[in-house]
Amino acid sequence: PNDLVLDLGAGDGAITRHLVGAGATVIAFELNPQRAATLRRRFDGRDVKVVSADVRDLRLPRRGFRVVANPPFAGVSAVLKRLTHPSSRLERADLIVPRSVADAWSVRLARRVSRFEVTDHRPVARAAFTPRPRIDVATVVIEPRRGRR
């Protein structure tokens, strides 16, 4: 409740709906104009701001925020790079990404001097999605390093 949460690639609002239900203030990013319009109608009057933008052009909030998202796989590395920038106020990101990206970022954040680390990284069965993805998918949790928040 009361957290600022970004939903990157909000689509039809499947994740947004649960975030709002939990009491979060949500910024939902959706590039598709029809889906963005649907999100605006669906969440009108609620704590949701819909931004029609490509997540690769993401501007981060100036205050602490969380991310809960299944972002578009195209350009997800650019999104992760922005989220883990030294000036980012990211408090936690729970993401569904291609498994290869999750693997690479787990190693990348572990090896470099970064304020952030991958604290959880698990495969997700393709059968959990409709339609099923053609690639392996994983969840990844990124948080500030313990003691460096």
C-alpha atoms as a PDB file:
ATOM      1  CA  PRO A   1       0.000   0.000   0.000  1.00  0.00           C
ATOM      2  CA  ASN A   2       1.040   3.549  -0.909  1.00  0.00           C
ATOM      3  CA  ASP A   3       4.127   2.409  -2.855  1.00  0.00           C
ATOM      4  CA  LEU A   4       4.820   3.971  -6.238  1.00  0.00           C
ATOM      5  CA  VAL A   5       4.999   1.041  -8.655  1.00  0.00           C
ATOM      6  CA  LEU A   6       5.853   1.032 -12.358  1.00  0.00           C
ATOM      7  CA  ASP A   7       4.180  -1.519 -14.637  1.00  0.00           C
ATOM      8  CA  LEU A   8       6.325  -1.615 -17.773  1.00  0.00           C
ATOM      9  CA  GLY A   9       4.423  -2.856 -20.817  1.00  0.00           C
ATOM     10  CA  ALA A  10       1.105  -2.868 -18.962  1.00  0.00           C
ATOM     11  CA  GLY A  11      -0.862  -4.372 -21.861  1.00  0.00           C
ATOM     12  CA  ASP A  12      -4.452  -4.951 -20.769  1.00  0.00           C
ATOM     13  CA  GLY A  13      -3.697  -4.240 -17.088  1.00  0.00           C
ATOM     14  CA  ALA A  14      -3.428  -7.796 -15.771  1.00  0.00           C
ATOM     15  CA  ILE A  15      -0.625  -6.803 -13.382  1.00  0.00           C
ATOM     16  CA  THR A  16      -1.866  -3.232 -12.908  1.00  0.00           C
ATOM     17  CA  ARG A  17      -5.178  -4.538 -11.554  1.00  0.00           C
ATOM     18  CA  HIS A  18      -3.446  -6.437  -8.758  1.00  0.00           C
ATOM     19  CA  LEU A  19      -1.143  -3.537  -7.905  1.00  0.00           C
ATOM     20  CA  VAL A  20      -4.125  -1.176  -7.578  1.00  0.00           C
ATOM     21  CA  GLY A  21      -5.954  -3.794  -5.518  1.00  0.00           C
ATOM     22  CA  ALA A  22      -2.986  -3.876  -3.132  1.00  0.00           C
ATOM     23  CA  GLY A  23      -3.206  -0.101  -2.686  1.00  0.00           C
ATOM     24  CA  ALA A  24      -0.233   0.967  -4.824  1.00  0.00           C
ATOM     25  CA  THR A  25      -0.012   4.138  -6.867  1.00  0.00           C
ATOM     26  CA  VAL A  26       0.777   2.841 -10.354  1.00  0.00           C
ATOM     27  CA  ILE A  27       2.414   4.326 -13.408  1.00  0.00           C
ATOM     28  CA  ALA A  28       1.493   2.007 -16.267  1.00  0.00           C
ATOM     29  CA  PHE A  29       3.639   2.268 -19.404  1.00  0.00           C
ATOM     30  CA  GLU A  30       2.038   1.046 -22.626  1.00  0.00           C
ATOM     31  CA  LEU A  31       3.240   1.865 -26.135  1.00  0.00           C
ATOM     32  CA  ASN A  32       0.184   0.570 -28.034  1.00  0.00           C
ATOM     33  CA  PRO A  33      -2.278   3.510 -28.287  1.00  0.00           C
ATOM     34  CA  GLN A  34      -5.401   1.324 -28.191  1.00  0.00           C
ATOM     35  CA  ARG A  35      -4.221  -0.568 -25.121  1.00  0.00           C
ATOM     36  CA  ALA A  36      -3.198   2.691 -23.427  1.00  0.00           C
ATOM     37  CA  ALA A  37      -6.682   4.116 -24.069  1.00  0.00           C
ATOM     38  CA  THR A  38      -8.251   0.947 -22.671  1.00  0.00           C
ATOM     39  CA  LEU A  39      -6.065   1.206 -19.558  1.00  0.00           C
ATOM     40  CA  ARG A  40      -7.129   4.840 -19.061  1.00  0.00           C
ATOM     41  CA  ARG A  41     -10.810   3.869 -19.246  1.00  0.00           C
ATOM     42  CA  ARG A  42     -10.389   0.790 -17.082  1.00  0.00           C
ATOM     43  CA  PHE A  43      -8.566   2.588 -14.276  1.00  0.00           C
ATOM     44  CA  ASP A  44     -10.210   6.028 -14.541  1.00  0.00           C
ATOM     45  CA  GLY A  45     -10.458   7.651 -11.127  1.00  0.00           C
ATOM     46  CA  ARG A  46      -8.016   5.217  -9.518  1.00  0.00           C
ATOM     47  CA  ASP A  47      -4.392   5.726  -8.532  1.00  0.00           C
ATOM     48  CA  VAL A  48      -3.111   4.896 -12.025  1.00  0.00           C
ATOM     49  CA  LYS A  49      -1.309   7.155 -14.466  1.00  0.00           C
ATOM     50  CA  VAL A  50      -1.049   5.690 -17.959  1.00  0.00           C
ATOM     51  CA  VAL A  51       1.995   6.780 -19.956  1.00  0.00           C
ATOM     52  CA  SER A  52       2.028   6.122 -23.694  1.00  0.00           C
ATOM     53  CA  ALA A  53       5.724   5.516 -24.216  1.00  0.00           C
ATOM     54  CA  ASP A  54       8.260   2.912 -25.193  1.00  0.00           C
ATOM     55  CA  VAL A  55       9.759   1.423 -22.022  1.00  0.00           C
ATOM     56  CA  ARG A  56      13.214   1.889 -23.549  1.00  0.00           C
ATOM     57  CA  ASP A  57      12.604   5.652 -23.174  1.00  0.00           C
ATOM     58  CA  LEU A  58      11.696   5.224 -19.513  1.00  0.00           C
ATOM     59  CA  ARG A  59      12.153   8.258 -17.279  1.00  0.00           C
ATOM     60  CA  LEU A  60      12.560   7.172 -13.701  1.00  0.00           C
ATOM     61  CA  PRO A  61      10.710   8.798 -10.806  1.00  0.00           C
ATOM     62  CA  ARG A  62      12.733  11.107  -8.597  1.00  0.00           C
ATOM     63  CA  ARG A  63      11.441   9.370  -5.487  1.00  0.00           C
ATOM     64  CA  GLY A  64      11.707   5.775  -4.365  1.00  0.00           C
ATOM     65  CA  PHE A  65       9.778   3.332  -6.524  1.00  0.00           C
ATOM     66  CA  ARG A  66       9.233  -0.335  -7.243  1.00  0.00           C
ATOM     67  CA  VAL A  67       8.711  -2.187 -10.505  1.00  0.00           C
ATOM     68  CA  VAL A  68       6.427  -5.166 -11.021  1.00  0.00           C
ATOM     69  CA  ALA A  69       6.264  -6.027 -14.687  1.00  0.00           C
ATOM     70  CA  ASN A  70       6.451  -8.385 -17.605  1.00  0.00           C
ATOM     71  CA  PRO A  71       8.136  -5.826 -19.888  1.00  0.00           C
ATOM     72  CA  PRO A  72       8.393  -6.221 -23.649  1.00  0.00           C
ATOM     73  CA  PHE A  73      11.341  -8.524 -24.276  1.00  0.00           C
ATOM     74  CA  ALA A  74      12.687  -6.291 -27.057  1.00  0.00           C
ATOM     75  CA  GLY A  75      14.964  -3.817 -25.340  1.00  0.00           C
ATOM     76  CA  VAL A  76      14.665  -5.300 -21.842  1.00  0.00           C
ATOM     77  CA  SER A  77      18.418  -4.987 -21.290  1.00  0.00           C
ATOM     78  CA  ALA A  78      18.152  -1.230 -21.902  1.00  0.00           C
ATOM     79  CA  VAL A  79      15.378  -1.073 -19.307  1.00  0.00           C
ATOM     80  CA  LEU A  80      17.479  -2.994 -16.772  1.00  0.00           C
ATOM     81  CA  LYS A  81      20.429  -0.722 -17.428  1.00  0.00           C
ATOM     82  CA  ARG A  82      18.273   2.319 -16.698  1.00  0.00           C
ATOM     83  CA  LEU A  83      16.696   0.767 -13.596  1.00  0.00           C
ATOM     84  CA  THR A  84      20.126  -0.067 -12.142  1.00  0.00           C
ATOM     85  CA  HIS A  85      21.758   3.261 -13.006  1.00  0.00           C
ATOM     86  CA  PRO A  86      23.654   4.707 -10.006  1.00  0.00           C
ATOM     87  CA  SER A  87      21.144   7.585  -9.708  1.00  0.00           C
ATOM     88  CA  SER A  88      18.102   5.273  -9.753  1.00  0.00           C
ATOM     89  CA  ARG A  89      15.811   5.376  -6.722  1.00  0.00           C
ATOM     90  CA  LEU A  90      14.714   1.784  -7.374  1.00  0.00           C
ATOM     91  CA  GLU A  91      13.707  -0.029  -4.183  1.00  0.00           C
ATOM     92  CA  ARG A  92      12.859  -3.366  -5.792  1.00  0.00           C
ATOM     93  CA  ALA A  93      12.073  -4.749  -9.248  1.00  0.00           C
ATOM     94  CA  ASP A  94      10.162  -7.993  -9.783  1.00  0.00           C
ATOM     95  CA  LEU A  95      10.359  -8.775 -13.479  1.00  0.00           C
ATOM     96  CA  ILE A  96       9.611 -11.518 -15.957  1.00  0.00           C
ATOM     97  CA  VAL A  97      12.327 -11.524 -18.598  1.00  0.00           C
ATOM     98  CA  PRO A  98      13.955 -13.892 -21.093  1.00  0.00           C
ATOM     99  CA  ARG A  99      16.002 -16.421 -19.154  1.00  0.00           C
ATOM    100  CA  SER A 100      19.146 -15.451 -21.053  1.00  0.00           C
ATOM    101  CA  VAL A 101      18.704 -11.855 -19.858  1.00  0.00           C
ATOM    102  CA  ALA A 102      18.091 -12.980 -16.266  1.00  0.00           C
ATOM    103  CA  ASP A 103      21.247 -15.117 -16.390  1.00  0.00           C
ATOM    104  CA  ALA A 104      23.345 -12.325 -17.892  1.00  0.00           C
ATOM    105  CA  TRP A 105      22.139  -9.668 -15.441  1.00  0.00           C
ATOM    106  CA  SER A 106      22.658 -11.938 -12.458  1.00  0.00           C
ATOM    107  CA  VAL A 107      26.299 -12.279 -13.476  1.00  0.00           C
ATOM    108  CA  ARG A 108      26.659  -8.650 -14.553  1.00  0.00           C
ATOM    109  CA  LEU A 109      25.403  -7.187 -11.272  1.00  0.00           C
ATOM    110  CA  ALA A 110      27.438  -9.677  -9.232  1.00  0.00           C
ATOM    111  CA  ARG A 111      30.679  -8.822 -11.035  1.00  0.00           C
ATOM    112  CA  ARG A 112      30.507  -5.055 -11.248  1.00  0.00           C
ATOM    113  CA  VAL A 113      30.499  -2.436  -8.557  1.00  0.00           C
ATOM    114  CA  SER A 114      26.805  -1.671  -8.382  1.00  0.00           C
ATOM    115  CA  ARG A 115      24.301  -0.467  -5.829  1.00  0.00           C
ATOM    116  CA  PHE A 116      22.037  -3.303  -6.989  1.00  0.00           C
ATOM    117  CA  GLU A 117      22.031  -7.075  -6.919  1.00  0.00           C
ATOM    118  CA  VAL A 118      19.861  -9.907  -8.158  1.00  0.00           C
ATOM    119  CA  THR A 119      18.319 -11.431  -5.036  1.00  0.00           C
ATOM    120  CA  ASP A 120      16.172 -14.060  -6.742  1.00  0.00           C
ATOM    121  CA  HIS A 121      16.232 -15.669 -10.177  1.00  0.00           C
ATOM    122  CA  ARG A 122      13.910 -18.528 -11.088  1.00  0.00           C
ATOM    123  CA  PRO A 123      12.749 -20.160 -14.305  1.00  0.00           C
ATOM    124  CA  VAL A 124       9.064 -19.926 -15.224  1.00  0.00           C
ATOM    125  CA  ALA A 125       7.377 -22.698 -17.187  1.00  0.00           C
ATOM    126  CA  ARG A 126       6.350 -21.702 -20.698  1.00  0.00           C
ATOM    127  CA  ALA A 127       2.954 -23.270 -19.982  1.00  0.00           C
ATOM    128  CA  ALA A 128       2.292 -20.445 -17.489  1.00  0.00           C
ATOM    129  CA  PHE A 129       1.777 -18.024 -20.395  1.00  0.00           C
ATOM    130  CA  THR A 130      -0.889 -17.590 -23.025  1.00  0.00           C
ATOM    131  CA  PRO A 131       0.345 -17.597 -25.696  1.00  0.00           C
ATOM    132  CA  ARG A 132       3.385 -19.641 -24.763  1.00  0.00           C
ATOM    133  CA  PRO A 133       6.682 -17.848 -25.378  1.00  0.00           C
ATOM    134  CA  ARG A 134       9.135 -19.401 -27.830  1.00  0.00           C
ATOM    135  CA  ILE A 135      12.020 -18.768 -25.446  1.00  0.00           C
ATOM    136  CA  ASP A 136      12.756 -19.725 -21.847  1.00  0.00           C
ATOM    137  CA  VAL A 137      11.549 -17.169 -19.324  1.00  0.00           C
ATOM    138  CA  ALA A 138      12.558 -16.375 -15.748  1.00  0.00           C
ATOM    139  CA  THR A 139      11.617 -14.110 -12.892  1.00  0.00           C
ATOM    140  CA  VAL A 140      14.294 -11.821 -11.586  1.00  0.00           C
ATOM    141  CA  VAL A 141      14.274  -9.678  -8.453  1.00  0.00           C
ATOM    142  CA  ILE A 142      16.644  -6.721  -8.343  1.00  0.00           C
ATOM    143  CA  GLU A 143      17.181  -4.802  -5.117  1.00  0.00           C
ATOM    144  CA  PRO A 144      19.724  -2.404  -3.650  1.00  0.00           C
ATOM    145  CA  ARG A 145      22.653  -4.298  -2.163  1.00  0.00           C
ATOM    146  CA  ARG A 146      22.203  -4.970   1.511  1.00  0.00           C
ATOM    147  CA  GLY A 147      23.830  -2.202   3.480  1.00  0.00           C
ATOM    148  CA  ARG A 148      23.848   0.129   0.436  1.00  0.00           C
ATOM    149  CA  ARG A 149      20.184   1.213   0.256  1.00  0.00           C
END
